[in-house]
């Protein structure tokens, strides 16, 4: 993922490495503000603007996805760059990555029935995880 950042011309600084490591540990959608709060305990020199820029850079290379947060701000989720989907726990908010295996037949049906040509898709499953069940 750092190679993908560098390939797009983004510098891979120590601060960005720290932000990415913490972001990857979160395991659920988080806002830039929430991530910044987590970082402040051990890395108070990292500014909120740096967190925002890093999250947007990750989104640019496909290592983060975004959704609206209940408070009206954007929430980000760390993702592997390979195409996948999400299983989101409605109780604790944890997100598990789900491999994309059986969407192709559905895309073919869309093409045949609606004459619709999909160029991309995103799928999220909502329910309760093993810990919360």
C-alpha atoms as a PDB file:
ATOM      1  CA  UNK A   1       0.000   0.000   0.000  1.00  0.00           C
ATOM      2  CA  UNK A   2       2.905   2.380   0.689  1.00  0.00           C
ATOM      3  CA  UNK A   3       4.211   1.502  -2.779  1.00  0.00           C
ATOM      4  CA  UNK A   4       0.823   2.527  -4.219  1.00  0.00           C
ATOM      5  CA  UNK A   5       1.075   5.875  -2.407  1.00  0.00           C
ATOM      6  CA  UNK A   6       4.608   6.460  -3.706  1.00  0.00           C
ATOM      7  CA  UNK A   7       3.567   5.445  -7.226  1.00  0.00           C
ATOM      8  CA  UNK A   8       0.917   8.201  -7.165  1.00  0.00           C
ATOM      9  CA  UNK A   9       3.560  10.734  -6.116  1.00  0.00           C
ATOM     10  CA  UNK A  10       2.690  10.884  -2.400  1.00  0.00           C
ATOM     11  CA  UNK A  11       5.538  11.056   0.088  1.00  0.00           C
ATOM     12  CA  UNK A  12       5.592   8.227   2.624  1.00  0.00           C
ATOM     13  CA  UNK A  13       6.641  10.034   5.784  1.00  0.00           C
ATOM     14  CA  UNK A  14       7.034   8.682   9.315  1.00  0.00           C
ATOM     15  CA  UNK A  15       3.854  10.500  10.346  1.00  0.00           C
ATOM     16  CA  UNK A  16       1.875   8.929   7.514  1.00  0.00           C
ATOM     17  CA  UNK A  17       3.182   5.484   8.447  1.00  0.00           C
ATOM     18  CA  UNK A  18       2.007   6.040  12.044  1.00  0.00           C
ATOM     19  CA  UNK A  19      -1.412   7.232  10.855  1.00  0.00           C
ATOM     20  CA  UNK A  20      -1.830   4.246   8.521  1.00  0.00           C
ATOM     21  CA  UNK A  21      -0.792   1.766  11.235  1.00  0.00           C
ATOM     22  CA  UNK A  22      -3.339   3.169  13.695  1.00  0.00           C
ATOM     23  CA  UNK A  23      -6.029   3.446  11.030  1.00  0.00           C
ATOM     24  CA  UNK A  24      -5.530  -0.222  10.104  1.00  0.00           C
ATOM     25  CA  UNK A  25      -5.883  -1.215  13.784  1.00  0.00           C
ATOM     26  CA  UNK A  26      -9.287   0.483  14.191  1.00  0.00           C
ATOM     27  CA  UNK A  27     -11.215  -2.206  12.279  1.00  0.00           C
ATOM     28  CA  UNK A  28     -14.367  -0.096  11.794  1.00  0.00           C
ATOM     29  CA  UNK A  29     -15.467   3.112  10.135  1.00  0.00           C
ATOM     30  CA  UNK A  30     -13.874   6.078  11.883  1.00  0.00           C
ATOM     31  CA  UNK A  31     -13.803   9.821  11.318  1.00  0.00           C
ATOM     32  CA  UNK A  32     -10.604  11.808  10.911  1.00  0.00           C
ATOM     33  CA  UNK A  33     -11.378  13.478  14.264  1.00  0.00           C
ATOM     34  CA  UNK A  34     -11.723  10.102  16.035  1.00  0.00           C
ATOM     35  CA  UNK A  35      -8.509   8.819  14.483  1.00  0.00           C
ATOM     36  CA  UNK A  36      -6.710  12.015  15.459  1.00  0.00           C
ATOM     37  CA  UNK A  37      -7.890  11.577  19.070  1.00  0.00           C
ATOM     38  CA  UNK A  38      -6.498   8.017  19.113  1.00  0.00           C
ATOM     39  CA  UNK A  39      -3.156   9.256  17.776  1.00  0.00           C
ATOM     40  CA  UNK A  40      -2.807  12.154  20.217  1.00  0.00           C
ATOM     41  CA  UNK A  41      -2.046   9.897  23.203  1.00  0.00           C
ATOM     42  CA  UNK A  42       1.310   8.785  21.753  1.00  0.00           C
ATOM     43  CA  UNK A  43       1.891  11.084  18.787  1.00  0.00           C
ATOM     44  CA  UNK A  44       0.754  14.580  19.721  1.00  0.00           C
ATOM     45  CA  UNK A  45       2.842  16.168  16.948  1.00  0.00           C
ATOM     46  CA  UNK A  46       0.536  14.760  14.236  1.00  0.00           C
ATOM     47  CA  UNK A  47      -1.970  17.402  13.220  1.00  0.00           C
ATOM     48  CA  UNK A  48      -5.588  16.890  12.226  1.00  0.00           C
ATOM     49  CA  UNK A  49      -4.904  18.251   8.724  1.00  0.00           C
ATOM     50  CA  UNK A  50      -2.240  15.567   8.229  1.00  0.00           C
ATOM     51  CA  UNK A  51      -4.748  12.901   9.256  1.00  0.00           C
ATOM     52  CA  UNK A  52      -7.324  14.239   6.765  1.00  0.00           C
ATOM     53  CA  UNK A  53      -4.758  14.413   3.942  1.00  0.00           C
ATOM     54  CA  UNK A  54      -3.510  10.897   4.657  1.00  0.00           C
ATOM     55  CA  UNK A  55      -7.036   9.443   4.679  1.00  0.00           C
ATOM     56  CA  UNK A  56      -7.779  11.105   1.347  1.00  0.00           C
ATOM     57  CA  UNK A  57      -4.498   9.788  -0.110  1.00  0.00           C
ATOM     58  CA  UNK A  58      -5.429   6.280   1.027  1.00  0.00           C
ATOM     59  CA  UNK A  59      -8.812   6.699  -0.605  1.00  0.00           C
ATOM     60  CA  UNK A  60      -7.084   7.839  -3.791  1.00  0.00           C
ATOM     61  CA  UNK A  61      -5.095   4.581  -4.025  1.00  0.00           C
ATOM     62  CA  UNK A  62      -8.022   2.346  -3.009  1.00  0.00           C
ATOM     63  CA  UNK A  63      -6.802   1.585   0.532  1.00  0.00           C
ATOM     64  CA  UNK A  64      -9.734   3.358   2.213  1.00  0.00           C
ATOM     65  CA  UNK A  65     -13.434   3.710   1.592  1.00  0.00           C
ATOM     66  CA  UNK A  66     -15.743   6.436   2.840  1.00  0.00           C
ATOM     67  CA  UNK A  67     -19.328   6.722   4.046  1.00  0.00           C
ATOM     68  CA  UNK A  68     -21.438   9.332   5.800  1.00  0.00           C
ATOM     69  CA  UNK A  69     -21.195   9.257   9.575  1.00  0.00           C
ATOM     70  CA  UNK A  70     -24.177   9.852  11.858  1.00  0.00           C
ATOM     71  CA  UNK A  71     -22.659  13.171  12.975  1.00  0.00           C
ATOM     72  CA  UNK A  72     -22.614  14.414   9.387  1.00  0.00           C
ATOM     73  CA  UNK A  73     -18.889  14.028   8.805  1.00  0.00           C
ATOM     74  CA  UNK A  74     -17.192  11.464   6.612  1.00  0.00           C
ATOM     75  CA  UNK A  75     -16.151   8.157   8.137  1.00  0.00           C
ATOM     76  CA  UNK A  76     -13.293   6.146   6.643  1.00  0.00           C
ATOM     77  CA  UNK A  77     -12.507   2.437   6.658  1.00  0.00           C
ATOM     78  CA  UNK A  78      -9.070   0.949   5.993  1.00  0.00           C
ATOM     79  CA  UNK A  79      -9.294  -1.586   3.165  1.00  0.00           C
ATOM     80  CA  UNK A  80      -7.044  -3.905   1.252  1.00  0.00           C
ATOM     81  CA  UNK A  81      -6.495  -2.558  -2.240  1.00  0.00           C
ATOM     82  CA  UNK A  82      -7.903  -5.748  -3.842  1.00  0.00           C
ATOM     83  CA  UNK A  83     -11.628  -5.622  -4.656  1.00  0.00           C
ATOM     84  CA  UNK A  84     -13.813  -6.904  -1.809  1.00  0.00           C
ATOM     85  CA  UNK A  85     -17.023  -6.238   0.130  1.00  0.00           C
ATOM     86  CA  UNK A  86     -17.858  -5.639   3.799  1.00  0.00           C
ATOM     87  CA  UNK A  87     -19.784  -7.344   6.598  1.00  0.00           C
ATOM     88  CA  UNK A  88     -20.662  -4.623   9.140  1.00  0.00           C
ATOM     89  CA  UNK A  89     -21.762  -5.414  12.700  1.00  0.00           C
ATOM     90  CA  UNK A  90     -24.732  -3.203  13.619  1.00  0.00           C
ATOM     91  CA  UNK A  91     -23.931  -3.471  17.339  1.00  0.00           C
ATOM     92  CA  UNK A  92     -20.177  -2.868  17.696  1.00  0.00           C
ATOM     93  CA  UNK A  93     -19.395  -1.435  14.250  1.00  0.00           C
ATOM     94  CA  UNK A  94     -16.598  -3.892  13.426  1.00  0.00           C
ATOM     95  CA  UNK A  95     -16.129  -4.517   9.720  1.00  0.00           C
ATOM     96  CA  UNK A  96     -14.904  -7.738   8.140  1.00  0.00           C
ATOM     97  CA  UNK A  97     -13.653  -7.926   4.571  1.00  0.00           C
ATOM     98  CA  UNK A  98     -15.539 -10.348   2.311  1.00  0.00           C
ATOM     99  CA  UNK A  99     -13.950 -11.648  -0.888  1.00  0.00           C
ATOM    100  CA  UNK A 100     -15.834 -10.803  -4.080  1.00  0.00           C
ATOM    101  CA  UNK A 101     -16.589 -14.161  -5.688  1.00  0.00           C
ATOM    102  CA  UNK A 102     -20.128 -14.436  -7.001  1.00  0.00           C
ATOM    103  CA  UNK A 103     -21.108 -11.026  -8.308  1.00  0.00           C
ATOM    104  CA  UNK A 104     -20.270 -11.819 -11.946  1.00  0.00           C
ATOM    105  CA  UNK A 105     -23.518 -13.785 -12.596  1.00  0.00           C
ATOM    106  CA  UNK A 106     -25.511 -10.896 -11.137  1.00  0.00           C
ATOM    107  CA  UNK A 107     -23.675  -8.416 -13.369  1.00  0.00           C
ATOM    108  CA  UNK A 108     -24.439 -10.604 -16.399  1.00  0.00           C
ATOM    109  CA  UNK A 109     -28.139 -10.633 -15.455  1.00  0.00           C
ATOM    110  CA  UNK A 110     -28.112  -6.828 -15.180  1.00  0.00           C
ATOM    111  CA  UNK A 111     -26.565  -6.612 -18.629  1.00  0.00           C
ATOM    112  CA  UNK A 112     -29.016  -9.055 -20.190  1.00  0.00           C
ATOM    113  CA  UNK A 113     -32.244  -7.912 -18.517  1.00  0.00           C
ATOM    114  CA  UNK A 114     -31.714  -4.168 -18.266  1.00  0.00           C
ATOM    115  CA  UNK A 115     -29.085  -3.607 -20.932  1.00  0.00           C
ATOM    116  CA  UNK A 116     -27.076  -2.038 -18.118  1.00  0.00           C
ATOM    117  CA  UNK A 117     -23.296  -2.189 -18.207  1.00  0.00           C
ATOM    118  CA  UNK A 118     -21.863  -2.003 -14.659  1.00  0.00           C
ATOM    119  CA  UNK A 119     -18.459  -0.366 -14.331  1.00  0.00           C
ATOM    120  CA  UNK A 120     -18.065  -0.860 -10.587  1.00  0.00           C
ATOM    121  CA  UNK A 121     -20.022  -1.990  -7.546  1.00  0.00           C
ATOM    122  CA  UNK A 122     -19.986  -1.867  -3.758  1.00  0.00           C
ATOM    123  CA  UNK A 123     -21.741  -4.289  -1.471  1.00  0.00           C
ATOM    124  CA  UNK A 124     -22.136  -4.210   2.310  1.00  0.00           C
ATOM    125  CA  UNK A 125     -23.843  -6.775   4.518  1.00  0.00           C
ATOM    126  CA  UNK A 126     -25.267  -5.640   7.869  1.00  0.00           C
ATOM    127  CA  UNK A 127     -25.897  -7.907  10.855  1.00  0.00           C
ATOM    128  CA  UNK A 128     -24.246  -8.963  14.104  1.00  0.00           C
ATOM    129  CA  UNK A 129     -20.736 -10.364  14.435  1.00  0.00           C
ATOM    130  CA  UNK A 130     -19.852 -13.489  16.425  1.00  0.00           C
ATOM    131  CA  UNK A 131     -18.878 -11.399  19.488  1.00  0.00           C
ATOM    132  CA  UNK A 132     -22.193  -9.535  19.571  1.00  0.00           C
ATOM    133  CA  UNK A 133     -24.552 -12.413  18.687  1.00  0.00           C
END
